[in-house]
Amino acid sequence: MNKIYIPAGYKPTLDAYDTQRAIAYIKSAFQEEFSEALNLKRVSAPLFVTEDSGLNDNLNGYERPVSFDVPAVGKDAQVVHSLAKWKRLALKRYHFVVGNGLYTDMNAIRRDEELDNIHSIYVDQWDWEKIITRENRNLDYLKLIVRAIVKAICATNDRLQVRYPQLRVQLSPDVSFITSQALEDQYPALTPEERENAYVQAHPTACIMQIGGALKSGSPHGGRAPDYDDWNLNCDLFFWDEVLNRALEVSSMGIRVDAESLDRQLTIAGCDDRRQLPFHRMLLNDELPLTIGGGIGQSRLSMLLLGSAHIGEVQSSIWDRETTDACEKAGIPLL
């Protein structure tokens, strides 16, 4: 069942016209701050990939990709769930070198997504990937990149409020880091989502690390495909959303699998059949660069900085009748 939360007394800070202008400004300003901080170049990216390439991200393993046949090619194609694998292959094809990386606009359809204030079947994010050395494959380097992204987000927020001083969202540049196991140890009686909310409320900018592997309880903190992030070297970045009174995940990222971690995680996940796919063979043969990468939600970032109550205020998608009726009644304008 889809869920909708209506904050008491909520009213959009900007009207429809200024909201659209502000969204455009957020995207432009953040791309400048973010690409400069991480030394990234913009590239074009596919909306779909062939099914047999192994390049699509299978997310938690149960989401169904939108598929269609391409008679002119003689193959089936899938709308991407993300570009986690494609980006790494692109770095090799485009001859990027250590210390440099790419970012792109990623648009996806996730038709099995449950709808609520922050989830839509339409996903728009900045996908990015950067080549690193083997010596950088550690949590200290991951934290360094997280802090750089947070700094870029805070700088974007400052610039936005110069242009729209009526906006009052306050973000903390100080990031609190915690592993998913330490989080479970701290809140053993709570669900993973409840743990996130409890921790981020106490630490308004927070990063939860090492997601994907089983915890002491026997279950992982959250789902992660076995063939892009190293489960020991990844994280989710959250900000406390005062409007929604909840933790808002803005980015998921990680140091990518090398041959050793891919081999281990494919076995743990029961996905050994993927070893024969072209992308996976290249990884297992050490033919791709070592990288770090992730995705940063464009609509999520916009709704955070604008103080929006629903993601439908900053993106155009489709919603169930309960959502549209509740938003109309509460004066929440869905695009």
C-alpha atoms as a PDB file:
ATOM      1  CA  MET A   1       0.000   0.000   0.000  1.00  0.00           C
ATOM      2  CA  ASN A   2       1.334   3.438  -0.891  1.00  0.00           C
ATOM      3  CA  LYS A   3       1.914   5.845   1.982  1.00  0.00           C
ATOM      4  CA  ILE A   4       1.459   9.598   2.136  1.00  0.00           C
ATOM      5  CA  TYR A   5       2.441  11.862   5.028  1.00  0.00           C
ATOM      6  CA  ILE A   6       1.036  15.391   5.301  1.00  0.00           C
ATOM      7  CA  PRO A   7       3.075  17.692   7.586  1.00  0.00           C
ATOM      8  CA  ALA A   8       0.850  19.812   9.814  1.00  0.00           C
ATOM      9  CA  GLY A   9       0.458  23.354   8.510  1.00  0.00           C
ATOM     10  CA  TYR A  10       2.689  22.770   5.482  1.00  0.00           C
ATOM     11  CA  LYS A  11       2.766  25.393   2.754  1.00  0.00           C
ATOM     12  CA  PRO A  12       5.319  25.587  -0.091  1.00  0.00           C
ATOM     13  CA  THR A  13       7.803  28.415   0.394  1.00  0.00           C
ATOM     14  CA  LEU A  14       7.990  29.241  -3.319  1.00  0.00           C
ATOM     15  CA  ASP A  15       5.213  29.487  -5.887  1.00  0.00           C
ATOM     16  CA  ALA A  16       5.122  27.163  -8.917  1.00  0.00           C
ATOM     17  CA  TYR A  17       7.121  29.492 -11.169  1.00  0.00           C
ATOM     18  CA  ASP A  18       9.910  30.197  -8.674  1.00  0.00           C
ATOM     19  CA  THR A  19      10.013  26.496  -7.744  1.00  0.00           C
ATOM     20  CA  GLN A  20      10.869  25.618 -11.334  1.00  0.00           C
ATOM     21  CA  ARG A  21      13.528  28.333 -11.493  1.00  0.00           C
ATOM     22  CA  ALA A  22      14.975  27.198  -8.168  1.00  0.00           C
ATOM     23  CA  ILE A  23      15.164  23.559  -9.295  1.00  0.00           C
ATOM     24  CA  ALA A  24      17.107  24.616 -12.382  1.00  0.00           C
ATOM     25  CA  TYR A  25      19.437  26.708 -10.227  1.00  0.00           C
ATOM     26  CA  ILE A  26      20.020  23.861  -7.744  1.00  0.00           C
ATOM     27  CA  LYS A  27      20.992  21.502 -10.546  1.00  0.00           C
ATOM     28  CA  SER A  28      23.296  24.016 -12.198  1.00  0.00           C
ATOM     29  CA  ALA A  29      24.986  25.145  -8.975  1.00  0.00           C
ATOM     30  CA  PHE A  30      25.441  21.656  -7.555  1.00  0.00           C
ATOM     31  CA  GLN A  31      26.972  20.331 -10.767  1.00  0.00           C
ATOM     32  CA  GLU A  32      29.541  23.120 -10.602  1.00  0.00           C
ATOM     33  CA  GLU A  33      30.384  22.541  -6.936  1.00  0.00           C
ATOM     34  CA  PHE A  34      30.344  18.752  -7.139  1.00  0.00           C
ATOM     35  CA  SER A  35      32.283  18.256 -10.381  1.00  0.00           C
ATOM     36  CA  GLU A  36      35.005  20.661  -9.273  1.00  0.00           C
ATOM     37  CA  ALA A  37      35.331  19.030  -5.839  1.00  0.00           C
ATOM     38  CA  LEU A  38      35.750  15.529  -7.276  1.00  0.00           C
ATOM     39  CA  ASN A  39      37.455  16.445 -10.570  1.00  0.00           C
ATOM     40  CA  LEU A  40      34.705  15.026 -12.777  1.00  0.00           C
ATOM     41  CA  LYS A  41      33.829  15.609 -16.432  1.00  0.00           C
ATOM     42  CA  ARG A  42      30.288  15.374 -17.772  1.00  0.00           C
ATOM     43  CA  VAL A  43      29.491  12.619 -20.281  1.00  0.00           C
ATOM     44  CA  SER A  44      26.373  11.386 -22.048  1.00  0.00           C
ATOM     45  CA  ALA A  45      24.847   8.128 -20.858  1.00  0.00           C
ATOM     46  CA  PRO A  46      22.326   5.550 -22.097  1.00  0.00           C
ATOM     47  CA  LEU A  47      18.688   5.334 -21.068  1.00  0.00           C
ATOM     48  CA  PHE A  48      18.732   1.602 -21.809  1.00  0.00           C
ATOM     49  CA  VAL A  49      21.198  -1.259 -22.261  1.00  0.00           C
ATOM     50  CA  THR A  50      20.903  -4.714 -23.832  1.00  0.00           C
ATOM     51  CA  GLU A  51      19.681  -7.416 -21.492  1.00  0.00           C
ATOM     52  CA  ASP A  52      22.592  -9.747 -22.259  1.00  0.00           C
ATOM     53  CA  SER A  53      25.306  -7.163 -21.484  1.00  0.00           C
ATOM     54  CA  GLY A  54      25.045  -7.567 -17.705  1.00  0.00           C
ATOM     55  CA  LEU A  55      25.340  -3.782 -17.370  1.00  0.00           C
ATOM     56  CA  ASN A  56      22.005  -3.109 -15.704  1.00  0.00           C
ATOM     57  CA  ASP A  57      21.905  -2.677 -11.949  1.00  0.00           C
ATOM     58  CA  ASN A  58      19.602  -5.239 -10.356  1.00  0.00           C
ATOM     59  CA  LEU A  59      19.314  -3.169  -7.144  1.00  0.00           C
ATOM     60  CA  ASN A  60      17.848  -5.397  -4.426  1.00  0.00           C
ATOM     61  CA  GLY A  61      17.275  -8.295  -6.807  1.00  0.00           C
ATOM     62  CA  TYR A  62      13.475  -8.231  -6.997  1.00  0.00           C
ATOM     63  CA  GLU A  63      12.804  -5.065  -9.018  1.00  0.00           C
ATOM     64  CA  ARG A  64      11.666  -5.798 -12.576  1.00  0.00           C
ATOM     65  CA  PRO A  65      13.358  -3.736 -15.268  1.00  0.00           C
ATOM     66  CA  VAL A  66      11.227  -2.214 -17.992  1.00  0.00           C
ATOM     67  CA  SER A  67      12.097  -4.349 -21.015  1.00  0.00           C
ATOM     68  CA  PHE A  68      11.346  -4.131 -24.712  1.00  0.00           C
ATOM     69  CA  ASP A  69      12.507  -5.795 -27.910  1.00  0.00           C
ATOM     70  CA  VAL A  70      14.538  -3.928 -30.513  1.00  0.00           C
ATOM     71  CA  PRO A  71      13.804  -5.612 -33.875  1.00  0.00           C
ATOM     72  CA  ALA A  72      16.448  -3.601 -35.726  1.00  0.00           C
ATOM     73  CA  VAL A  73      19.134  -4.945 -33.388  1.00  0.00           C
ATOM     74  CA  GLY A  74      17.671  -8.378 -32.770  1.00  0.00           C
ATOM     75  CA  LYS A  75      18.022  -8.097 -29.007  1.00  0.00           C
ATOM     76  CA  ASP A  76      16.001  -7.208 -25.928  1.00  0.00           C
ATOM     77  CA  ALA A  77      16.791  -3.966 -24.123  1.00  0.00           C
ATOM     78  CA  GLN A  78      16.176  -2.812 -20.551  1.00  0.00           C
ATOM     79  CA  VAL A  79      15.671   0.695 -19.190  1.00  0.00           C
ATOM     80  CA  VAL A  80      18.519   1.171 -16.722  1.00  0.00           C
ATOM     81  CA  HIS A  81      17.904   1.008 -12.984  1.00  0.00           C
ATOM     82  CA  SER A  82      21.167   2.872 -12.509  1.00  0.00           C
ATOM     83  CA  LEU A  83      24.475   3.237 -14.334  1.00  0.00           C
ATOM     84  CA  ALA A  84      26.647   1.672 -11.624  1.00  0.00           C
ATOM     85  CA  LYS A  85      28.313  -0.761 -14.031  1.00  0.00           C
ATOM     86  CA  TRP A  86      28.118   1.233 -17.251  1.00  0.00           C
ATOM     87  CA  LYS A  87      30.133   4.105 -15.747  1.00  0.00           C
ATOM     88  CA  ARG A  88      33.070   1.887 -14.880  1.00  0.00           C
ATOM     89  CA  LEU A  89      33.207   0.481 -18.373  1.00  0.00           C
ATOM     90  CA  ALA A  90      32.925   4.014 -19.783  1.00  0.00           C
ATOM     91  CA  LEU A  91      35.976   5.142 -17.792  1.00  0.00           C
ATOM     92  CA  LYS A  92      37.996   2.452 -19.545  1.00  0.00           C
ATOM     93  CA  ARG A  93      36.552   3.170 -22.994  1.00  0.00           C
ATOM     94  CA  TYR A  94      37.082   6.937 -22.669  1.00  0.00           C
ATOM     95  CA  HIS A  95      40.673   6.490 -21.415  1.00  0.00           C
ATOM     96  CA  PHE A  96      40.225   8.286 -18.100  1.00  0.00           C
ATOM     97  CA  VAL A  97      43.217   8.171 -15.739  1.00  0.00           C
ATOM     98  CA  VAL A  98      43.667   7.917 -11.959  1.00  0.00           C
ATOM     99  CA  GLY A  99      42.287  10.948 -10.138  1.00  0.00           C
ATOM    100  CA  ASN A 100      39.787  11.794 -12.876  1.00  0.00           C
ATOM    101  CA  GLY A 101      36.191  10.770 -13.249  1.00  0.00           C
ATOM    102  CA  LEU A 102      32.844  11.331 -14.927  1.00  0.00           C
ATOM    103  CA  TYR A 103      29.320  12.300 -14.028  1.00  0.00           C
ATOM    104  CA  THR A 104      26.113  12.099 -16.000  1.00  0.00           C
ATOM    105  CA  ASP A 105      22.366  12.594 -15.777  1.00  0.00           C
ATOM    106  CA  MET A 106      20.757   9.247 -15.088  1.00  0.00           C
ATOM    107  CA  ASN A 107      17.028   8.769 -15.666  1.00  0.00           C
ATOM    108  CA  ALA A 108      15.331   5.510 -14.793  1.00  0.00           C
ATOM    109  CA  ILE A 109      11.960   3.854 -14.365  1.00  0.00           C
ATOM    110  CA  ARG A 110      11.540   1.683 -11.282  1.00  0.00           C
ATOM    111  CA  ARG A 111       8.046   0.359 -11.752  1.00  0.00           C
ATOM    112  CA  ASP A 112       8.000  -1.767  -8.576  1.00  0.00           C
ATOM    113  CA  GLU A 113       8.806   1.171  -6.274  1.00  0.00           C
ATOM    114  CA  GLU A 114       6.351   1.769  -3.453  1.00  0.00           C
ATOM    115  CA  LEU A 115       5.143   5.344  -3.583  1.00  0.00           C
ATOM    116  CA  ASP A 116       5.407   7.781  -0.683  1.00  0.00           C
ATOM    117  CA  ASN A 117       6.670  11.304  -0.016  1.00  0.00           C
ATOM    118  CA  ILE A 118      10.209  10.532  -1.176  1.00  0.00           C
ATOM    119  CA  HIS A 119       9.763   7.617  -3.601  1.00  0.00           C
ATOM    120  CA  SER A 120       8.558   7.720  -7.203  1.00  0.00           C
ATOM    121  CA  ILE A 121       8.681   5.313 -10.133  1.00  0.00           C
ATOM    122  CA  TYR A 122      10.751   7.969 -11.918  1.00  0.00           C
ATOM    123  CA  VAL A 123      14.346   8.293 -10.747  1.00  0.00           C
ATOM    124  CA  ASP A 124      16.647  11.154 -11.676  1.00  0.00           C
ATOM    125  CA  GLN A 125      20.123  11.360 -10.269  1.00  0.00           C
ATOM    126  CA  TRP A 126      23.682  12.377 -10.954  1.00  0.00           C
ATOM    127  CA  ASP A 127      25.583   9.152 -11.485  1.00  0.00           C
ATOM    128  CA  TRP A 128      29.337   9.574 -11.031  1.00  0.00           C
ATOM    129  CA  GLU A 129      32.462   7.426 -11.095  1.00  0.00           C
ATOM    130  CA  LYS A 130      36.129   8.185 -10.426  1.00  0.00           C
ATOM    131  CA  ILE A 131      39.297   6.130 -10.948  1.00  0.00           C
ATOM    132  CA  ILE A 132      41.316   5.443  -7.794  1.00  0.00           C
ATOM    133  CA  THR A 133      44.455   3.554  -6.829  1.00  0.00           C
ATOM    134  CA  ARG A 134      44.443   0.308  -4.874  1.00  0.00           C
ATOM    135  CA  GLU A 135      45.809   2.249  -1.903  1.00  0.00           C
ATOM    136  CA  ASN A 136      42.589   4.282  -1.899  1.00  0.00           C
ATOM    137  CA  ARG A 137      40.413   1.228  -1.342  1.00  0.00           C
ATOM    138  CA  ASN A 138      39.737   1.972   2.322  1.00  0.00           C
ATOM    139  CA  LEU A 139      37.141   3.645   4.560  1.00  0.00           C
ATOM    140  CA  ASP A 140      39.277   6.745   5.128  1.00  0.00           C
ATOM    141  CA  TYR A 141      39.196   7.545   1.417  1.00  0.00           C
ATOM    142  CA  LEU A 142      35.439   6.847   1.281  1.00  0.00           C
ATOM    143  CA  LYS A 143      34.937   9.327   4.133  1.00  0.00           C
ATOM    144  CA  LEU A 144      37.050  11.914   2.309  1.00  0.00           C
ATOM    145  CA  ILE A 145      34.774  11.697  -0.735  1.00  0.00           C
ATOM    146  CA  VAL A 146      31.623  11.839   1.410  1.00  0.00           C
ATOM    147  CA  ARG A 147      32.840  15.030   3.088  1.00  0.00           C
ATOM    148  CA  ALA A 148      33.573  16.593  -0.311  1.00  0.00           C
ATOM    149  CA  ILE A 149      30.024  15.812  -1.493  1.00  0.00           C
ATOM    150  CA  VAL A 150      28.504  17.209   1.703  1.00  0.00           C
ATOM    151  CA  LYS A 151      30.570  20.371   1.279  1.00  0.00           C
ATOM    152  CA  ALA A 152      29.246  20.743  -2.282  1.00  0.00           C
ATOM    153  CA  ILE A 153      25.643  20.277  -1.090  1.00  0.00           C
ATOM    154  CA  CYS A 154      26.061  22.854   1.680  1.00  0.00           C
ATOM    155  CA  ALA A 155      27.674  25.311  -0.741  1.00  0.00           C
ATOM    156  CA  THR A 156      24.741  24.838  -3.129  1.00  0.00           C
ATOM    157  CA  ASN A 157      22.307  25.499  -0.294  1.00  0.00           C
ATOM    158  CA  ASP A 158      24.151  28.704   0.629  1.00  0.00           C
ATOM    159  CA  ARG A 159      24.084  29.911  -2.985  1.00  0.00           C
ATOM    160  CA  LEU A 160      20.394  29.062  -3.320  1.00  0.00           C
ATOM    161  CA  GLN A 161      19.472  31.072  -0.227  1.00  0.00           C
ATOM    162  CA  VAL A 162      21.299  34.117  -1.544  1.00  0.00           C
ATOM    163  CA  ARG A 163      18.985  33.984  -4.548  1.00  0.00           C
ATOM    164  CA  TYR A 164      15.893  32.974  -2.544  1.00  0.00           C
ATOM    165  CA  PRO A 165      16.364  34.357   0.987  1.00  0.00           C
ATOM    166  CA  GLN A 166      12.888  33.186   1.983  1.00  0.00           C
ATOM    167  CA  LEU A 167      14.225  29.612   2.031  1.00  0.00           C
ATOM    168  CA  ARG A 168      15.372  28.600   5.508  1.00  0.00           C
ATOM    169  CA  VAL A 169      16.723  25.033   5.280  1.00  0.00           C
ATOM    170  CA  GLN A 170      19.763  24.597   7.511  1.00  0.00           C
ATOM    171  CA  LEU A 171      22.290  21.819   6.786  1.00  0.00           C
ATOM    172  CA  SER A 172      25.181  20.707   8.950  1.00  0.00           C
ATOM    173  CA  PRO A 173      28.515  20.250   7.151  1.00  0.00           C
ATOM    174  CA  ASP A 174      29.751  17.960   9.949  1.00  0.00           C
ATOM    175  CA  VAL A 175      29.277  14.332   8.942  1.00  0.00           C
ATOM    176  CA  SER A 176      28.793  11.591  11.515  1.00  0.00           C
ATOM    177  CA  PHE A 177      29.958   8.162  10.315  1.00  0.00           C
ATOM    178  CA  ILE A 178      28.723   4.820  11.627  1.00  0.00           C
ATOM    179  CA  THR A 179      28.806   1.252  10.306  1.00  0.00           C
ATOM    180  CA  SER A 180      25.561  -0.660   9.826  1.00  0.00           C
ATOM    181  CA  GLN A 181      26.699  -3.169  12.471  1.00  0.00           C
ATOM    182  CA  ALA A 182      27.406  -0.441  15.029  1.00  0.00           C
ATOM    183  CA  LEU A 183      23.985   1.001  14.195  1.00  0.00           C
ATOM    184  CA  GLU A 184      22.318  -2.350  14.841  1.00  0.00           C
ATOM    185  CA  ASP A 185      24.261  -2.693  18.095  1.00  0.00           C
ATOM    186  CA  GLN A 186      23.057   0.750  19.173  1.00  0.00           C
ATOM    187  CA  TYR A 187      19.394   0.159  18.255  1.00  0.00           C
ATOM    188  CA  PRO A 188      18.885  -3.642  18.347  1.00  0.00           C
ATOM    189  CA  ALA A 189      15.107  -3.474  18.770  1.00  0.00           C
ATOM    190  CA  LEU A 190      14.514  -1.196  15.766  1.00  0.00           C
ATOM    191  CA  THR A 191      14.127  -1.962  12.076  1.00  0.00           C
ATOM    192  CA  PRO A 192      16.856  -0.678   9.719  1.00  0.00           C
ATOM    193  CA  GLU A 193      14.711   2.301   8.675  1.00  0.00           C
ATOM    194  CA  GLU A 194      13.892   3.110  12.302  1.00  0.00           C
ATOM    195  CA  ARG A 195      17.601   2.955  13.148  1.00  0.00           C
ATOM    196  CA  GLU A 196      18.352   5.423  10.366  1.00  0.00           C
ATOM    197  CA  ASN A 197      15.728   7.846  11.636  1.00  0.00           C
ATOM    198  CA  ALA A 198      16.894   7.589  15.242  1.00  0.00           C
ATOM    199  CA  TYR A 199      20.553   8.102  14.367  1.00  0.00           C
ATOM    200  CA  VAL A 200      20.098  10.874  11.820  1.00  0.00           C
ATOM    201  CA  GLN A 201      17.771  12.801  14.112  1.00  0.00           C
ATOM    202  CA  ALA A 202      20.635  12.853  16.629  1.00  0.00           C
ATOM    203  CA  HIS A 203      23.269  13.467  13.914  1.00  0.00           C
ATOM    204  CA  PRO A 204      21.626  15.669  11.219  1.00  0.00           C
ATOM    205  CA  THR A 205      24.221  14.824   8.554  1.00  0.00           C
ATOM    206  CA  ALA A 206      25.118  11.160   8.750  1.00  0.00           C
ATOM    207  CA  CYS A 207      26.725   8.416   6.719  1.00  0.00           C
ATOM    208  CA  ILE A 208      25.905   4.738   7.299  1.00  0.00           C
ATOM    209  CA  MET A 209      28.675   2.476   6.033  1.00  0.00           C
ATOM    210  CA  GLN A 210      29.146  -1.193   5.119  1.00  0.00           C
ATOM    211  CA  ILE A 211      25.715  -2.096   3.733  1.00  0.00           C
ATOM    212  CA  GLY A 212      24.964  -5.375   1.982  1.00  0.00           C
ATOM    213  CA  GLY A 213      26.529  -8.107   4.053  1.00  0.00           C
ATOM    214  CA  ALA A 214      24.674  -9.958   6.814  1.00  0.00           C
ATOM    215  CA  LEU A 215      24.843  -8.412  10.297  1.00  0.00           C
ATOM    216  CA  LYS A 216      24.990 -10.290  13.593  1.00  0.00           C
ATOM    217  CA  SER A 217      21.194 -10.500  13.489  1.00  0.00           C
ATOM    218  CA  GLY A 218      21.498 -12.547  10.304  1.00  0.00           C
ATOM    219  CA  SER A 219      20.075  -9.934   7.937  1.00  0.00           C
ATOM    220  CA  PRO A 220      21.776  -7.079   6.056  1.00  0.00           C
ATOM    221  CA  HIS A 221      20.958  -3.463   6.892  1.00  0.00           C
ATOM    222  CA  GLY A 222      19.739  -3.041   3.323  1.00  0.00           C
ATOM    223  CA  GLY A 223      19.880  -4.643  -0.083  1.00  0.00           C
ATOM    224  CA  ARG A 224      22.897  -4.226  -2.327  1.00  0.00           C
ATOM    225  CA  ALA A 225      23.667  -5.932  -5.608  1.00  0.00           C
ATOM    226  CA  PRO A 226      26.839  -8.018  -5.276  1.00  0.00           C
ATOM    227  CA  ASP A 227      28.543  -6.763  -8.415  1.00  0.00           C
ATOM    228  CA  TYR A 228      29.191  -3.029  -8.010  1.00  0.00           C
ATOM    229  CA  ASP A 229      29.844  -1.827  -4.422  1.00  0.00           C
ATOM    230  CA  ASP A 230      32.280  -3.590  -2.137  1.00  0.00           C
ATOM    231  CA  TRP A 231      29.990  -4.257   0.831  1.00  0.00           C
ATOM    232  CA  ASN A 232      32.825  -3.416   3.236  1.00  0.00           C
ATOM    233  CA  LEU A 233      33.519  -0.062   1.538  1.00  0.00           C
ATOM    234  CA  ASN A 234      30.156   1.550   0.732  1.00  0.00           C
ATOM    235  CA  CYS A 235      27.698   3.906   2.390  1.00  0.00           C
ATOM    236  CA  ASP A 236      24.442   5.874   2.272  1.00  0.00           C
ATOM    237  CA  LEU A 237      24.403   9.618   2.980  1.00  0.00           C
ATOM    238  CA  PHE A 238      21.489  11.101   4.942  1.00  0.00           C
ATOM    239  CA  PHE A 239      20.294  14.534   6.027  1.00  0.00           C
ATOM    240  CA  TRP A 240      17.624  15.150   8.647  1.00  0.00           C
ATOM    241  CA  ASP A 241      14.542  16.531   6.906  1.00  0.00           C
ATOM    242  CA  GLU A 242      12.747  18.930   9.275  1.00  0.00           C
ATOM    243  CA  VAL A 243       9.648  19.136   7.072  1.00  0.00           C
ATOM    244  CA  LEU A 244       9.087  15.384   6.899  1.00  0.00           C
ATOM    245  CA  ASN A 245      10.592  14.717  10.340  1.00  0.00           C
ATOM    246  CA  ARG A 246      12.663  11.846   8.989  1.00  0.00           C
ATOM    247  CA  ALA A 247      16.053  10.854   7.644  1.00  0.00           C
ATOM    248  CA  LEU A 248      16.331  11.616   3.944  1.00  0.00           C
ATOM    249  CA  GLU A 249      18.796   9.545   1.918  1.00  0.00           C
ATOM    250  CA  VAL A 250      20.349  11.786  -0.714  1.00  0.00           C
ATOM    251  CA  SER A 251      23.141   9.567  -1.990  1.00  0.00           C
ATOM    252  CA  SER A 252      24.327   5.980  -2.149  1.00  0.00           C
ATOM    253  CA  MET A 253      27.966   5.392  -3.033  1.00  0.00           C
ATOM    254  CA  GLY A 254      30.897   3.098  -2.563  1.00  0.00           C
ATOM    255  CA  ILE A 255      34.306   1.896  -3.562  1.00  0.00           C
ATOM    256  CA  ARG A 256      33.594  -0.624  -6.287  1.00  0.00           C
ATOM    257  CA  VAL A 257      34.318  -4.326  -6.233  1.00  0.00           C
ATOM    258  CA  ASP A 258      37.676  -5.608  -7.355  1.00  0.00           C
ATOM    259  CA  ALA A 259      38.147  -9.173  -8.599  1.00  0.00           C
ATOM    260  CA  GLU A 260      38.485 -10.567  -5.071  1.00  0.00           C
ATOM    261  CA  SER A 261      35.425  -8.882  -3.549  1.00  0.00           C
ATOM    262  CA  LEU A 262      33.308  -9.583  -6.641  1.00  0.00           C
ATOM    263  CA  ASP A 263      34.209 -13.265  -6.468  1.00  0.00           C
ATOM    264  CA  ARG A 264      33.272 -13.389  -2.779  1.00  0.00           C
ATOM    265  CA  GLN A 265      30.022 -11.419  -3.075  1.00  0.00           C
ATOM    266  CA  LEU A 266      28.715 -13.306  -6.108  1.00  0.00           C
ATOM    267  CA  THR A 267      29.027 -16.534  -4.122  1.00  0.00           C
ATOM    268  CA  ILE A 268      27.407 -15.093  -0.990  1.00  0.00           C
ATOM    269  CA  ALA A 269      24.507 -13.693  -3.034  1.00  0.00           C
ATOM    270  CA  GLY A 270      24.002 -16.900  -5.020  1.00  0.00           C
ATOM    271  CA  CYS A 271      24.721 -15.097  -8.277  1.00  0.00           C
ATOM    272  CA  ASP A 272      27.524 -17.228  -9.691  1.00  0.00           C
ATOM    273  CA  ASP A 273      25.703 -17.385 -13.025  1.00  0.00           C
ATOM    274  CA  ARG A 274      26.739 -13.756 -13.647  1.00  0.00           C
ATOM    275  CA  ARG A 275      30.399 -14.733 -13.879  1.00  0.00           C
ATOM    276  CA  GLN A 276      29.952 -15.440 -17.600  1.00  0.00           C
ATOM    277  CA  LEU A 277      28.518 -12.021 -18.469  1.00  0.00           C
ATOM    278  CA  PRO A 278      30.923  -9.743 -20.395  1.00  0.00           C
ATOM    279  CA  PHE A 279      31.180  -7.053 -17.722  1.00  0.00           C
ATOM    280  CA  HIS A 280      31.760  -9.562 -14.932  1.00  0.00           C
ATOM    281  CA  ARG A 281      34.399 -11.456 -16.895  1.00  0.00           C
ATOM    282  CA  MET A 282      36.309  -8.212 -17.379  1.00  0.00           C
ATOM    283  CA  LEU A 283      36.160  -7.492 -13.663  1.00  0.00           C
ATOM    284  CA  LEU A 284      37.253 -10.954 -12.642  1.00  0.00           C
ATOM    285  CA  ASN A 285      40.174 -10.696 -15.095  1.00  0.00           C
ATOM    286  CA  ASP A 286      41.237  -7.287 -13.672  1.00  0.00           C
ATOM    287  CA  GLU A 287      40.567  -5.581 -17.010  1.00  0.00           C
ATOM    288  CA  LEU A 288      38.665  -2.601 -15.575  1.00  0.00           C
ATOM    289  CA  PRO A 289      40.026   0.301 -13.488  1.00  0.00           C
ATOM    290  CA  LEU A 290      39.541   0.446  -9.730  1.00  0.00           C
ATOM    291  CA  THR A 291      36.896   3.052  -8.993  1.00  0.00           C
ATOM    292  CA  ILE A 292      34.651   4.771  -6.492  1.00  0.00           C
ATOM    293  CA  GLY A 293      31.228   5.980  -7.523  1.00  0.00           C
ATOM    294  CA  GLY A 294      27.620   6.530  -6.657  1.00  0.00           C
ATOM    295  CA  GLY A 295      24.394   8.328  -7.338  1.00  0.00           C
ATOM    296  CA  ILE A 296      23.036  11.591  -5.930  1.00  0.00           C
ATOM    297  CA  GLY A 297      19.300  12.101  -6.232  1.00  0.00           C
ATOM    298  CA  GLN A 298      18.405  15.236  -8.158  1.00  0.00           C
ATOM    299  CA  SER A 299      14.797  15.350  -6.995  1.00  0.00           C
ATOM    300  CA  ARG A 300      15.775  14.325  -3.465  1.00  0.00           C
ATOM    301  CA  LEU A 301      18.323  17.139  -3.259  1.00  0.00           C
ATOM    302  CA  SER A 302      15.844  19.646  -4.681  1.00  0.00           C
ATOM    303  CA  MET A 303      13.100  18.734  -2.215  1.00  0.00           C
ATOM    304  CA  LEU A 304      15.566  18.887   0.679  1.00  0.00           C
ATOM    305  CA  LEU A 305      16.896  22.345  -0.198  1.00  0.00           C
ATOM    306  CA  LEU A 306      13.447  23.733  -1.045  1.00  0.00           C
ATOM    307  CA  GLY A 307      11.850  22.283   2.074  1.00  0.00           C
ATOM    308  CA  SER A 308       9.293  20.368   0.009  1.00  0.00           C
ATOM    309  CA  ALA A 309       6.892  17.878   1.575  1.00  0.00           C
ATOM    310  CA  HIS A 310       6.562  15.589  -1.457  1.00  0.00           C
ATOM    311  CA  ILE A 311       8.897  14.571  -4.256  1.00  0.00           C
ATOM    312  CA  GLY A 312       6.056  15.227  -6.689  1.00  0.00           C
ATOM    313  CA  GLU A 313       6.562  18.959  -6.044  1.00  0.00           C
ATOM    314  CA  VAL A 314       9.941  18.836  -7.795  1.00  0.00           C
ATOM    315  CA  GLN A 315       9.438  16.156 -10.474  1.00  0.00           C
ATOM    316  CA  SER A 316       6.688  15.090 -12.813  1.00  0.00           C
ATOM    317  CA  SER A 317       5.557  11.490 -12.313  1.00  0.00           C
ATOM    318  CA  ILE A 318       2.326   9.528 -11.855  1.00  0.00           C
ATOM    319  CA  TRP A 319       0.593   8.873  -8.546  1.00  0.00           C
ATOM    320  CA  ASP A 320      -2.224   6.830  -7.099  1.00  0.00           C
ATOM    321  CA  ARG A 321      -5.572   8.445  -6.348  1.00  0.00           C
ATOM    322  CA  GLU A 322      -5.030   8.430  -2.571  1.00  0.00           C
ATOM    323  CA  THR A 323      -1.833  10.486  -3.006  1.00  0.00           C
ATOM    324  CA  THR A 324      -3.292  13.008  -5.436  1.00  0.00           C
ATOM    325  CA  ASP A 325      -6.423  13.498  -3.338  1.00  0.00           C
ATOM    326  CA  ALA A 326      -4.469  13.907  -0.089  1.00  0.00           C
ATOM    327  CA  CYS A 327      -2.028  16.372  -1.664  1.00  0.00           C
ATOM    328  CA  GLU A 328      -4.791  18.412  -3.272  1.00  0.00           C
ATOM    329  CA  LYS A 329      -6.648  18.634   0.014  1.00  0.00           C
ATOM    330  CA  ALA A 330      -3.464  19.722   1.842  1.00  0.00           C
ATOM    331  CA  GLY A 331      -2.451  22.267  -0.784  1.00  0.00           C
ATOM    332  CA  ILE A 332       0.632  20.331  -1.887  1.00  0.00           C
ATOM    333  CA  PRO A 333       1.084  21.060  -5.623  1.00  0.00           C
ATOM    334  CA  LEU A 334       2.126  17.960  -7.570  1.00  0.00           C
ATOM    335  CA  LEU A 335       3.728  18.635 -10.951  1.00  0.00           C
END
